[in-house]
């Protein structure tokens, strides 16, 4: 049997990976969609075993974003879980919990001028070494709404025509945090920095673990594709952004209190829905350092 199935839906060619790997032994893994996302059960992230951690690493690689329900972590346990995947990243602008600069505050309520992550983006892609992944632990939820949508950038790349893949190969894009971050967190009393990160990254990156190619431009941080005319860059980026937002590449997570989402920034984009005003949502995000995209 072939290791993939190709289907054509509304234009793009969709590559659906068959999951033929060995079964999981210490956790349960329930896929959200054929393309992306899985809910993980049978594990207490406050005290996972070594074997469970191995299988969580595998589940993240296979499903791009993984979810956990009914978790009860202290701040230190949340940080310790993140460190199982590498050194932790410090956000260049966002507020953090007192005494824990690695523990970002994610919150919005009736007095907030904005909510985190309302547009499609990959976290802090403007860094020279963008994060490997993000682990969001939501402790307080609105009665309805506040979902997060995730999109698989492997699938978005795979669905491009061969000619478009050839065109994009070797191109680099400028990612800049200035517009996103300056003044954004003033309501938390955060003072602006003199400068914010900016970096050049390949438009198509190769994942260091899976070896698969993924699109790596996003509306939140990508400003232009380099070495082509400005109007051509605008046109190509507009096409890619529309292409990436195809629902076939997506899953949607409905938050409950004490849920965790862990997404791989190297192959996933996401956007948060702020449809719950005037209600409150509160949580913390731990972000794991990544490497320079290649």
C-alpha atoms as a PDB file:
ATOM      1  CA  UNK A   1       0.000   0.000   0.000  1.00  0.00           C
ATOM      2  CA  UNK A   2       1.220   3.523  -0.772  1.00  0.00           C
ATOM      3  CA  UNK A   3       2.409   5.565   2.200  1.00  0.00           C
ATOM      4  CA  UNK A   4       0.261   8.523   1.196  1.00  0.00           C
ATOM      5  CA  UNK A   5      -3.069   9.337  -0.417  1.00  0.00           C
ATOM      6  CA  UNK A   6      -3.445  12.267  -2.785  1.00  0.00           C
ATOM      7  CA  UNK A   7      -6.803  13.990  -3.088  1.00  0.00           C
ATOM      8  CA  UNK A   8      -7.883  17.139  -4.885  1.00  0.00           C
ATOM      9  CA  UNK A   9     -10.280  19.419  -3.002  1.00  0.00           C
ATOM     10  CA  UNK A  10     -11.174  22.856  -4.407  1.00  0.00           C
ATOM     11  CA  UNK A  11      -7.856  23.111  -6.227  1.00  0.00           C
ATOM     12  CA  UNK A  12      -4.907  22.171  -4.014  1.00  0.00           C
ATOM     13  CA  UNK A  13      -3.514  18.678  -3.916  1.00  0.00           C
ATOM     14  CA  UNK A  14      -3.794  17.337  -0.382  1.00  0.00           C
ATOM     15  CA  UNK A  15      -1.386  14.714   0.912  1.00  0.00           C
ATOM     16  CA  UNK A  16      -2.891  12.639   3.699  1.00  0.00           C
ATOM     17  CA  UNK A  17      -0.254  10.718   5.628  1.00  0.00           C
ATOM     18  CA  UNK A  18      -1.249   7.242   6.730  1.00  0.00           C
ATOM     19  CA  UNK A  19      -0.353   6.544  10.347  1.00  0.00           C
ATOM     20  CA  UNK A  20       1.405   3.178  10.109  1.00  0.00           C
ATOM     21  CA  UNK A  21       3.702   3.501  13.120  1.00  0.00           C
ATOM     22  CA  UNK A  22       3.776   1.248  16.150  1.00  0.00           C
ATOM     23  CA  UNK A  23       0.975   1.709  18.690  1.00  0.00           C
ATOM     24  CA  UNK A  24       1.547   3.872  21.739  1.00  0.00           C
ATOM     25  CA  UNK A  25       2.106   1.916  24.942  1.00  0.00           C
ATOM     26  CA  UNK A  26       1.986   4.446  27.798  1.00  0.00           C
ATOM     27  CA  UNK A  27      -0.350   7.188  26.514  1.00  0.00           C
ATOM     28  CA  UNK A  28      -3.529   7.304  24.452  1.00  0.00           C
ATOM     29  CA  UNK A  29      -3.552   9.326  21.212  1.00  0.00           C
ATOM     30  CA  UNK A  30      -6.849  10.361  19.617  1.00  0.00           C
ATOM     31  CA  UNK A  31      -6.493  12.246  16.353  1.00  0.00           C
ATOM     32  CA  UNK A  32      -8.577  15.408  15.887  1.00  0.00           C
ATOM     33  CA  UNK A  33      -8.394  15.382  12.078  1.00  0.00           C
ATOM     34  CA  UNK A  34      -6.570  13.269   9.482  1.00  0.00           C
ATOM     35  CA  UNK A  35      -4.255  16.234   8.863  1.00  0.00           C
ATOM     36  CA  UNK A  36      -3.290  17.695  12.229  1.00  0.00           C
ATOM     37  CA  UNK A  37      -3.812  17.458  15.971  1.00  0.00           C
ATOM     38  CA  UNK A  38      -4.246  14.745  18.592  1.00  0.00           C
ATOM     39  CA  UNK A  39      -5.589  14.641  22.128  1.00  0.00           C
ATOM     40  CA  UNK A  40      -3.288  12.795  24.531  1.00  0.00           C
ATOM     41  CA  UNK A  41      -4.601  10.872  27.522  1.00  0.00           C
ATOM     42  CA  UNK A  42      -3.340   8.593  30.256  1.00  0.00           C
ATOM     43  CA  UNK A  43      -0.608  10.924  31.489  1.00  0.00           C
ATOM     44  CA  UNK A  44      -0.198  13.347  34.387  1.00  0.00           C
ATOM     45  CA  UNK A  45       2.170  16.039  33.108  1.00  0.00           C
ATOM     46  CA  UNK A  46       3.084  16.938  36.688  1.00  0.00           C
ATOM     47  CA  UNK A  47       4.925  13.605  36.921  1.00  0.00           C
ATOM     48  CA  UNK A  48       5.296  11.872  33.543  1.00  0.00           C
ATOM     49  CA  UNK A  49       7.471   8.775  33.278  1.00  0.00           C
ATOM     50  CA  UNK A  50      10.501   8.669  30.984  1.00  0.00           C
ATOM     51  CA  UNK A  51       8.663   6.334  28.616  1.00  0.00           C
ATOM     52  CA  UNK A  52       5.659   8.667  28.512  1.00  0.00           C
ATOM     53  CA  UNK A  53       7.959  11.580  27.687  1.00  0.00           C
ATOM     54  CA  UNK A  54       9.439   9.587  24.807  1.00  0.00           C
ATOM     55  CA  UNK A  55       5.978   8.931  23.439  1.00  0.00           C
ATOM     56  CA  UNK A  56       4.923  12.570  23.882  1.00  0.00           C
ATOM     57  CA  UNK A  57       7.965  13.598  21.808  1.00  0.00           C
ATOM     58  CA  UNK A  58       6.863  11.132  19.146  1.00  0.00           C
ATOM     59  CA  UNK A  59       3.228  12.302  19.225  1.00  0.00           C
ATOM     60  CA  UNK A  60       4.298  15.916  18.723  1.00  0.00           C
ATOM     61  CA  UNK A  61       6.406  14.958  15.700  1.00  0.00           C
ATOM     62  CA  UNK A  62       3.593  12.888  14.199  1.00  0.00           C
ATOM     63  CA  UNK A  63       0.645  15.217  14.861  1.00  0.00           C
ATOM     64  CA  UNK A  64       2.243  18.728  14.942  1.00  0.00           C
ATOM     65  CA  UNK A  65       0.038  19.896  17.831  1.00  0.00           C
ATOM     66  CA  UNK A  66      -1.064  17.831  20.833  1.00  0.00           C
ATOM     67  CA  UNK A  67      -3.603  18.509  23.564  1.00  0.00           C
ATOM     68  CA  UNK A  68      -4.012  17.437  27.178  1.00  0.00           C
ATOM     69  CA  UNK A  69      -7.097  17.735  29.400  1.00  0.00           C
ATOM     70  CA  UNK A  70      -7.496  17.849  33.183  1.00  0.00           C
ATOM     71  CA  UNK A  71      -3.924  18.787  34.020  1.00  0.00           C
ATOM     72  CA  UNK A  72      -3.008  20.455  37.315  1.00  0.00           C
ATOM     73  CA  UNK A  73       0.493  21.898  37.182  1.00  0.00           C
ATOM     74  CA  UNK A  74       2.315  24.316  39.419  1.00  0.00           C
ATOM     75  CA  UNK A  75       4.317  27.014  37.678  1.00  0.00           C
ATOM     76  CA  UNK A  76       7.498  25.045  38.313  1.00  0.00           C
ATOM     77  CA  UNK A  77       5.995  21.855  36.892  1.00  0.00           C
ATOM     78  CA  UNK A  78       4.900  23.722  33.771  1.00  0.00           C
ATOM     79  CA  UNK A  79       8.453  25.041  33.343  1.00  0.00           C
ATOM     80  CA  UNK A  80       9.952  21.612  34.033  1.00  0.00           C
ATOM     81  CA  UNK A  81       7.761  20.016  31.359  1.00  0.00           C
ATOM     82  CA  UNK A  82       8.957  22.589  28.828  1.00  0.00           C
ATOM     83  CA  UNK A  83      12.582  21.929  29.721  1.00  0.00           C
ATOM     84  CA  UNK A  84      12.094  18.281  28.710  1.00  0.00           C
ATOM     85  CA  UNK A  85      12.192  19.599  25.129  1.00  0.00           C
ATOM     86  CA  UNK A  86      15.084  22.047  25.451  1.00  0.00           C
ATOM     87  CA  UNK A  87      16.155  25.367  26.989  1.00  0.00           C
ATOM     88  CA  UNK A  88      13.337  27.868  27.441  1.00  0.00           C
ATOM     89  CA  UNK A  89      12.798  30.972  25.325  1.00  0.00           C
ATOM     90  CA  UNK A  90      12.236  34.478  26.721  1.00  0.00           C
ATOM     91  CA  UNK A  91       9.576  36.485  24.883  1.00  0.00           C
ATOM     92  CA  UNK A  92      10.947  39.840  23.647  1.00  0.00           C
ATOM     93  CA  UNK A  93       7.892  41.876  24.672  1.00  0.00           C
ATOM     94  CA  UNK A  94       5.117  40.056  26.550  1.00  0.00           C
ATOM     95  CA  UNK A  95       4.415  40.226  30.308  1.00  0.00           C
ATOM     96  CA  UNK A  96       5.404  37.298  32.501  1.00  0.00           C
ATOM     97  CA  UNK A  97       4.599  35.917  35.932  1.00  0.00           C
ATOM     98  CA  UNK A  98       6.561  37.531  38.803  1.00  0.00           C
ATOM     99  CA  UNK A  99       9.893  35.806  39.284  1.00  0.00           C
ATOM    100  CA  UNK A 100       9.424  33.631  36.177  1.00  0.00           C
ATOM    101  CA  UNK A 101      10.514  35.437  32.992  1.00  0.00           C
ATOM    102  CA  UNK A 102      10.012  32.195  31.008  1.00  0.00           C
ATOM    103  CA  UNK A 103       6.322  32.034  32.020  1.00  0.00           C
ATOM    104  CA  UNK A 104       4.373  34.297  29.677  1.00  0.00           C
ATOM    105  CA  UNK A 105       0.959  35.632  30.714  1.00  0.00           C
ATOM    106  CA  UNK A 106      -1.835  34.987  28.195  1.00  0.00           C
ATOM    107  CA  UNK A 107      -5.035  36.753  29.195  1.00  0.00           C
ATOM    108  CA  UNK A 108      -7.898  38.888  27.963  1.00  0.00           C
ATOM    109  CA  UNK A 109     -11.002  40.282  29.654  1.00  0.00           C
ATOM    110  CA  UNK A 110     -13.567  43.068  29.270  1.00  0.00           C
ATOM    111  CA  UNK A 111     -10.900  45.760  29.744  1.00  0.00           C
ATOM    112  CA  UNK A 112      -8.350  44.361  27.288  1.00  0.00           C
ATOM    113  CA  UNK A 113      -7.624  46.374  24.120  1.00  0.00           C
ATOM    114  CA  UNK A 114      -6.669  43.145  22.335  1.00  0.00           C
ATOM    115  CA  UNK A 115      -6.115  39.424  22.833  1.00  0.00           C
ATOM    116  CA  UNK A 116      -2.981  37.412  22.132  1.00  0.00           C
ATOM    117  CA  UNK A 117      -2.625  35.795  18.738  1.00  0.00           C
ATOM    118  CA  UNK A 118      -5.770  36.959  16.947  1.00  0.00           C
ATOM    119  CA  UNK A 119      -4.206  36.575  13.477  1.00  0.00           C
ATOM    120  CA  UNK A 120      -2.417  33.666  11.815  1.00  0.00           C
ATOM    121  CA  UNK A 121       1.191  33.446  12.965  1.00  0.00           C
ATOM    122  CA  UNK A 122       4.073  31.286  14.141  1.00  0.00           C
ATOM    123  CA  UNK A 123       5.293  32.431  17.559  1.00  0.00           C
ATOM    124  CA  UNK A 124       8.137  34.967  17.478  1.00  0.00           C
ATOM    125  CA  UNK A 125       9.210  33.987  13.955  1.00  0.00           C
ATOM    126  CA  UNK A 126      11.076  37.325  13.917  1.00  0.00           C
ATOM    127  CA  UNK A 127      13.798  35.856  16.166  1.00  0.00           C
ATOM    128  CA  UNK A 128      17.043  34.699  14.570  1.00  0.00           C
ATOM    129  CA  UNK A 129      16.297  31.337  16.187  1.00  0.00           C
ATOM    130  CA  UNK A 130      12.488  31.099  16.369  1.00  0.00           C
ATOM    131  CA  UNK A 131      10.954  28.884  19.057  1.00  0.00           C
ATOM    132  CA  UNK A 132      10.767  25.124  18.659  1.00  0.00           C
ATOM    133  CA  UNK A 133       7.340  25.037  20.239  1.00  0.00           C
ATOM    134  CA  UNK A 134       4.890  26.576  22.675  1.00  0.00           C
ATOM    135  CA  UNK A 135       3.075  25.000  25.625  1.00  0.00           C
ATOM    136  CA  UNK A 136      -0.053  26.940  26.593  1.00  0.00           C
ATOM    137  CA  UNK A 137      -1.758  25.999  29.869  1.00  0.00           C
ATOM    138  CA  UNK A 138      -5.177  27.647  30.203  1.00  0.00           C
ATOM    139  CA  UNK A 139      -6.525  27.742  33.746  1.00  0.00           C
ATOM    140  CA  UNK A 140      -9.594  29.952  33.353  1.00  0.00           C
ATOM    141  CA  UNK A 141     -11.969  29.853  30.371  1.00  0.00           C
ATOM    142  CA  UNK A 142     -15.015  31.812  29.227  1.00  0.00           C
ATOM    143  CA  UNK A 143     -18.333  29.900  29.227  1.00  0.00           C
ATOM    144  CA  UNK A 144     -18.093  29.611  25.436  1.00  0.00           C
ATOM    145  CA  UNK A 145     -15.686  30.655  22.696  1.00  0.00           C
ATOM    146  CA  UNK A 146     -11.967  31.294  22.839  1.00  0.00           C
ATOM    147  CA  UNK A 147     -11.030  28.375  20.575  1.00  0.00           C
ATOM    148  CA  UNK A 148      -7.602  28.191  18.946  1.00  0.00           C
ATOM    149  CA  UNK A 149      -7.207  27.069  15.325  1.00  0.00           C
ATOM    150  CA  UNK A 150      -4.034  25.336  14.158  1.00  0.00           C
ATOM    151  CA  UNK A 151      -2.846  24.798  10.585  1.00  0.00           C
ATOM    152  CA  UNK A 152      -0.365  22.236   9.250  1.00  0.00           C
ATOM    153  CA  UNK A 153       2.359  23.901   7.172  1.00  0.00           C
ATOM    154  CA  UNK A 154       3.695  20.561   5.914  1.00  0.00           C
ATOM    155  CA  UNK A 155       0.308  19.985   4.316  1.00  0.00           C
ATOM    156  CA  UNK A 156       0.217  23.540   2.954  1.00  0.00           C
ATOM    157  CA  UNK A 157       3.604  23.005   1.306  1.00  0.00           C
ATOM    158  CA  UNK A 158       2.735  19.528  -0.007  1.00  0.00           C
ATOM    159  CA  UNK A 159      -0.434  20.888  -1.654  1.00  0.00           C
ATOM    160  CA  UNK A 160       1.475  23.478  -3.733  1.00  0.00           C
ATOM    161  CA  UNK A 161       2.070  22.802  -7.405  1.00  0.00           C
ATOM    162  CA  UNK A 162       5.518  21.554  -8.378  1.00  0.00           C
ATOM    163  CA  UNK A 163       6.107  24.821 -10.250  1.00  0.00           C
ATOM    164  CA  UNK A 164       5.317  26.899  -7.158  1.00  0.00           C
ATOM    165  CA  UNK A 165       7.608  24.717  -5.038  1.00  0.00           C
ATOM    166  CA  UNK A 166      10.422  25.298  -7.534  1.00  0.00           C
ATOM    167  CA  UNK A 167       9.775  29.049  -7.511  1.00  0.00           C
ATOM    168  CA  UNK A 168       9.871  29.275  -3.693  1.00  0.00           C
ATOM    169  CA  UNK A 169      12.986  27.111  -3.283  1.00  0.00           C
ATOM    170  CA  UNK A 170      15.887  29.208  -1.981  1.00  0.00           C
ATOM    171  CA  UNK A 171      13.849  32.380  -1.379  1.00  0.00           C
ATOM    172  CA  UNK A 172      14.173  34.185   1.942  1.00  0.00           C
ATOM    173  CA  UNK A 173      11.691  36.459   3.707  1.00  0.00           C
ATOM    174  CA  UNK A 174      12.072  39.249   6.256  1.00  0.00           C
ATOM    175  CA  UNK A 175      10.303  38.671   9.601  1.00  0.00           C
ATOM    176  CA  UNK A 176      10.010  41.752  11.844  1.00  0.00           C
ATOM    177  CA  UNK A 177       8.513  42.103  15.345  1.00  0.00           C
ATOM    178  CA  UNK A 178       8.381  45.917  15.435  1.00  0.00           C
ATOM    179  CA  UNK A 179       4.757  46.404  14.357  1.00  0.00           C
ATOM    180  CA  UNK A 180       3.531  43.510  16.480  1.00  0.00           C
ATOM    181  CA  UNK A 181       5.228  44.400  19.732  1.00  0.00           C
ATOM    182  CA  UNK A 182       5.673  48.170  20.035  1.00  0.00           C
ATOM    183  CA  UNK A 183       3.019  49.442  22.425  1.00  0.00           C
ATOM    184  CA  UNK A 184       1.121  46.163  22.390  1.00  0.00           C
ATOM    185  CA  UNK A 185       1.548  45.356  26.083  1.00  0.00           C
ATOM    186  CA  UNK A 186       1.293  48.883  27.492  1.00  0.00           C
ATOM    187  CA  UNK A 187      -1.894  47.925  29.355  1.00  0.00           C
ATOM    188  CA  UNK A 188       0.248  45.507  31.406  1.00  0.00           C
ATOM    189  CA  UNK A 189       2.736  48.262  32.225  1.00  0.00           C
ATOM    190  CA  UNK A 190       5.391  46.779  29.909  1.00  0.00           C
ATOM    191  CA  UNK A 191       7.873  49.368  28.641  1.00  0.00           C
ATOM    192  CA  UNK A 192       8.839  49.251  24.977  1.00  0.00           C
ATOM    193  CA  UNK A 193      12.371  48.251  24.014  1.00  0.00           C
ATOM    194  CA  UNK A 194      14.563  50.337  21.737  1.00  0.00           C
ATOM    195  CA  UNK A 195      14.429  47.634  19.084  1.00  0.00           C
ATOM    196  CA  UNK A 196      12.614  44.375  18.470  1.00  0.00           C
ATOM    197  CA  UNK A 197      13.873  41.250  16.701  1.00  0.00           C
ATOM    198  CA  UNK A 198      13.993  40.960  12.932  1.00  0.00           C
ATOM    199  CA  UNK A 199      15.495  38.181  10.856  1.00  0.00           C
ATOM    200  CA  UNK A 200      15.702  36.634   7.409  1.00  0.00           C
ATOM    201  CA  UNK A 201      14.376  33.088   7.113  1.00  0.00           C
ATOM    202  CA  UNK A 202      13.794  30.680   4.227  1.00  0.00           C
ATOM    203  CA  UNK A 203      10.278  30.763   2.799  1.00  0.00           C
ATOM    204  CA  UNK A 204      10.371  26.954   2.882  1.00  0.00           C
ATOM    205  CA  UNK A 205      12.139  25.371   5.838  1.00  0.00           C
ATOM    206  CA  UNK A 206      13.175  21.779   6.485  1.00  0.00           C
ATOM    207  CA  UNK A 207      12.140  20.398   9.860  1.00  0.00           C
ATOM    208  CA  UNK A 208      15.233  19.261  11.813  1.00  0.00           C
ATOM    209  CA  UNK A 209      13.479  16.188  13.287  1.00  0.00           C
ATOM    210  CA  UNK A 210      11.179  14.893  10.547  1.00  0.00           C
ATOM    211  CA  UNK A 211      13.135  16.140   7.526  1.00  0.00           C
ATOM    212  CA  UNK A 212       9.887  17.342   5.933  1.00  0.00           C
ATOM    213  CA  UNK A 213       9.472  20.707   4.215  1.00  0.00           C
ATOM    214  CA  UNK A 214       7.036  23.316   5.545  1.00  0.00           C
ATOM    215  CA  UNK A 215       6.014  26.810   4.524  1.00  0.00           C
ATOM    216  CA  UNK A 216       7.496  29.378   6.901  1.00  0.00           C
ATOM    217  CA  UNK A 217       5.891  32.736   6.180  1.00  0.00           C
ATOM    218  CA  UNK A 218       3.007  34.193   8.182  1.00  0.00           C
ATOM    219  CA  UNK A 219       0.803  37.275   8.271  1.00  0.00           C
ATOM    220  CA  UNK A 220       1.868  38.184  11.780  1.00  0.00           C
ATOM    221  CA  UNK A 221       5.584  38.705  11.202  1.00  0.00           C
ATOM    222  CA  UNK A 222       6.563  38.293   7.535  1.00  0.00           C
ATOM    223  CA  UNK A 223       7.045  41.661   5.859  1.00  0.00           C
ATOM    224  CA  UNK A 224       8.361  40.775   2.395  1.00  0.00           C
ATOM    225  CA  UNK A 225      10.149  38.184   0.315  1.00  0.00           C
ATOM    226  CA  UNK A 226      13.665  39.296  -0.479  1.00  0.00           C
ATOM    227  CA  UNK A 227      15.377  39.558  -3.892  1.00  0.00           C
ATOM    228  CA  UNK A 228      12.179  39.917  -5.912  1.00  0.00           C
ATOM    229  CA  UNK A 229      10.216  43.122  -6.739  1.00  0.00           C
ATOM    230  CA  UNK A 230       8.017  44.478  -3.950  1.00  0.00           C
ATOM    231  CA  UNK A 231       4.787  44.022  -5.909  1.00  0.00           C
ATOM    232  CA  UNK A 232       5.732  40.436  -6.729  1.00  0.00           C
ATOM    233  CA  UNK A 233       6.410  39.780  -3.047  1.00  0.00           C
ATOM    234  CA  UNK A 234       2.984  41.172  -2.121  1.00  0.00           C
ATOM    235  CA  UNK A 235       1.281  38.969  -4.681  1.00  0.00           C
ATOM    236  CA  UNK A 236       3.104  35.782  -3.714  1.00  0.00           C
ATOM    237  CA  UNK A 237       2.563  36.333   0.013  1.00  0.00           C
ATOM    238  CA  UNK A 238      -1.138  37.095  -0.532  1.00  0.00           C
ATOM    239  CA  UNK A 239      -1.493  33.812  -2.423  1.00  0.00           C
ATOM    240  CA  UNK A 240       0.398  31.826   0.214  1.00  0.00           C
ATOM    241  CA  UNK A 241      -1.613  33.324   3.087  1.00  0.00           C
ATOM    242  CA  UNK A 242      -4.897  32.439   1.387  1.00  0.00           C
ATOM    243  CA  UNK A 243      -3.589  28.965   0.552  1.00  0.00           C
ATOM    244  CA  UNK A 244      -2.415  28.313   4.141  1.00  0.00           C
ATOM    245  CA  UNK A 245      -5.824  29.214   5.559  1.00  0.00           C
ATOM    246  CA  UNK A 246      -7.566  26.317   3.787  1.00  0.00           C
ATOM    247  CA  UNK A 247      -9.687  24.540   6.442  1.00  0.00           C
ATOM    248  CA  UNK A 248      -8.450  21.182   5.113  1.00  0.00           C
ATOM    249  CA  UNK A 249      -5.096  21.892   6.779  1.00  0.00           C
ATOM    250  CA  UNK A 250      -6.640  22.796  10.149  1.00  0.00           C
ATOM    251  CA  UNK A 251      -7.913  21.561  13.459  1.00  0.00           C
ATOM    252  CA  UNK A 252      -9.782  23.576  16.083  1.00  0.00           C
ATOM    253  CA  UNK A 253      -9.335  23.142  19.828  1.00  0.00           C
ATOM    254  CA  UNK A 254     -12.120  23.964  22.268  1.00  0.00           C
ATOM    255  CA  UNK A 255     -10.528  24.972  25.545  1.00  0.00           C
ATOM    256  CA  UNK A 256     -11.654  23.841  28.966  1.00  0.00           C
ATOM    257  CA  UNK A 257     -10.109  24.917  32.256  1.00  0.00           C
ATOM    258  CA  UNK A 258      -6.846  23.066  32.976  1.00  0.00           C
ATOM    259  CA  UNK A 259      -6.193  22.140  29.345  1.00  0.00           C
ATOM    260  CA  UNK A 260      -2.816  22.302  27.607  1.00  0.00           C
ATOM    261  CA  UNK A 261      -1.942  22.737  23.944  1.00  0.00           C
ATOM    262  CA  UNK A 262       1.599  22.057  22.739  1.00  0.00           C
ATOM    263  CA  UNK A 263       2.339  23.046  19.145  1.00  0.00           C
ATOM    264  CA  UNK A 264       5.436  22.769  16.975  1.00  0.00           C
ATOM    265  CA  UNK A 265       6.181  26.274  15.676  1.00  0.00           C
ATOM    266  CA  UNK A 266       8.413  24.848  12.956  1.00  0.00           C
ATOM    267  CA  UNK A 267       5.502  23.324  11.056  1.00  0.00           C
ATOM    268  CA  UNK A 268       2.346  24.889  12.556  1.00  0.00           C
ATOM    269  CA  UNK A 269       0.622  28.250  12.476  1.00  0.00           C
ATOM    270  CA  UNK A 270      -2.235  29.185  14.773  1.00  0.00           C
ATOM    271  CA  UNK A 271      -4.749  31.896  15.558  1.00  0.00           C
ATOM    272  CA  UNK A 272      -6.797  32.544  18.679  1.00  0.00           C
ATOM    273  CA  UNK A 273     -10.467  33.509  18.540  1.00  0.00           C
ATOM    274  CA  UNK A 274     -11.411  36.493  20.690  1.00  0.00           C
ATOM    275  CA  UNK A 275     -15.148  35.926  20.568  1.00  0.00           C
ATOM    276  CA  UNK A 276     -15.780  35.758  24.318  1.00  0.00           C
ATOM    277  CA  UNK A 277     -15.852  39.451  25.361  1.00  0.00           C
ATOM    278  CA  UNK A 278     -16.648  40.496  28.078  1.00  0.00           C
ATOM    279  CA  UNK A 279     -15.621  37.196  29.682  1.00  0.00           C
ATOM    280  CA  UNK A 280     -12.099  36.363  30.850  1.00  0.00           C
ATOM    281  CA  UNK A 281      -9.546  33.811  29.793  1.00  0.00           C
ATOM    282  CA  UNK A 282      -6.272  33.325  31.656  1.00  0.00           C
ATOM    283  CA  UNK A 283      -3.275  31.074  31.225  1.00  0.00           C
ATOM    284  CA  UNK A 284       0.485  30.799  30.917  1.00  0.00           C
ATOM    285  CA  UNK A 285       2.714  29.891  28.006  1.00  0.00           C
ATOM    286  CA  UNK A 286       6.107  28.242  28.202  1.00  0.00           C
ATOM    287  CA  UNK A 287       8.091  28.467  24.969  1.00  0.00           C
ATOM    288  CA  UNK A 288      10.987  26.197  24.029  1.00  0.00           C
ATOM    289  CA  UNK A 289      14.007  27.611  22.203  1.00  0.00           C
ATOM    290  CA  UNK A 290      14.505  26.587  18.614  1.00  0.00           C
ATOM    291  CA  UNK A 291      17.210  26.735  15.977  1.00  0.00           C
ATOM    292  CA  UNK A 292      17.929  28.864  12.919  1.00  0.00           C
ATOM    293  CA  UNK A 293      15.601  27.704  10.124  1.00  0.00           C
ATOM    294  CA  UNK A 294      17.264  26.000   7.141  1.00  0.00           C
END
